[in-house]
Amino acid sequence: MVAAFVCAPHSRASELRQFDVLVIPHTGTEGLIPEVSPTRVHATFDEHKVSVVAVQQARPILGKHTVVLLDFEHASAKFHTSMIMETLHAVAEVGDPEITVIAAGESRRNLEIFDLADNGKIGLLLPPPRLADGHDPQQVKDSARMYWQTWPGLDLIGTVANWFDATDSPVRVVWISEDFTWALPRHGLVPMSDDVANFTWTHRPCDPGDMGCQAMKCLAASSLNIFWGHPYVVRLSEAGITLFPLIIRGGGAQRSRADQQKNQRAAEYVAKHTGGFTLFADTLGDGKALTRALRTTSAGYVVRLSGTVQQGSLACPYPLRISIDGPPHIRFTRDFTISAEGQIRRQTDNHFCRLVPAFHKLAADFSCGDKASGESGLKITVPEAIKSAPPGKFYVHVTYNAGPVQRFVFNRRQLSPGEAAHCLCASLSGRPEAVRLVSAHDEATKWAGAQKLDASN
């Protein structure tokens, strides 16, 4: 027997809290927009009026409140390098070092995990090849705060929602992906129409203990077309997260017109329930599409509201509506909940690691080893930039064209000025000609570099 779940009604209790909401009109504007007085802004939650406390332009504060999400899980491998280069160039172009970049999913030729001696982990962003447009990755600034979600398959909405809390609000997420159709509603509810804006549902029994399914049953009973499940909406609301899907539709992607339309509808479904809108990239790699997206999605306002906290164990989302009397004339709606202050905390864990660009040149060749026995060896020269740094561990990965990665940990010593270069020798388990890449990370200085190798040279 399936238990019945009923959403708690909107409380008339006296507990109030303030919260910020990002309001970006879908006008394509990239420049500054007019200042707006709070007296010209009106807001309701669950059709009940909420107070407008303040209104400010979004652009000046969005830097540290911005995430670029690289969705490798739902993009073809052929796009991964271009997605990375697009991001690095765009972040350098807008000149904001506080933008956070989160890479989600595996990308074998672009990302590599290093296990550190203290049981920590660090991710290396491997140097991409020079692209056809002539951009050189070594000329791109290392200015972004970058992280890698290292647990493949973790739900991406949960990834974003768990990363932030009210102290980060509002948060703008530009989500770069090729495919958004996976994000259409499921959880035991079956769409009877292809029109994602007007889903009707037929109910199936939930599996025992499937709280996500049970929560969706509760939410689907609402007159509002609810976005995903209860836990996500609460967390997305708490951090004021707005999603802006950026669809990759260039690069020779072969999709039928029907599939393209379905993908766009799915992206619009993702966006509209958090107050965002869909963006498009016909080409990637030079930073132009993402730069345009970042500028377009900053032409708006941060509206601070004061509303009544919802009561009950299951606070379902209701429509939050904000209108601004023009100019500019804006009508805005998103799904929202109002939780008690401090109730929702960020839940970052060891599924994330810091991502460091390994764009420095690493000097490595096959000139060491035991020639008498025929044992192959790899010589790595400690980079000049770090040889005089305090001693520490120097991690090296040898990647073969096929087979496992060979890992080494060296205790790098400190060299005096003018002292000869310090070289390290690693015994190879495979043939030199099978080595594709050597990458390295210095724990003390955070230096990271790589070299693509060809034993025939």
Foldseek 3Di string as FASTA:
>chain_A
DFDADAAFDFDPDPDKDKAKAFAFDPPLDQDAADDAAQVQKWKDFQNHTWHFDDKDFQQVPQLLQEEEEEEPVFADLVCNVLSVLLVLLLCVVVVRLNYEYEYEDDRPVAKDWDQDPVRAIAIEGEADDQDPVRDGVLPGDPRYFYKYQQDHPDDVLCVVLQADFRVSPPHEYEYEHAFLLVQQDDLQWDFPDLQSVDTDTDGDGHDPPSVQSNQVVNQNVDPDPDGRGQVSQASCQRRNYAYEYEHEDADPDDDDPVRVVSRQSSNQSNGQQSFGGYHYDRDGNNNPRVNSVVSSSSRGMIIMIMDDAGDDPGHFWTWMWMFGDDVVTDTTIHTHHHHDPPPRHRDDDSSMHTYHYQADAWDKAFPDDDVVVPWTKMKTWDDPVPQQPAWFKKKKWWDFPDDDIDIDIDTRHHDDPPDDIDMDMDTDPDDPQRTAKMKMATPPVRHIHMDGDHNVD
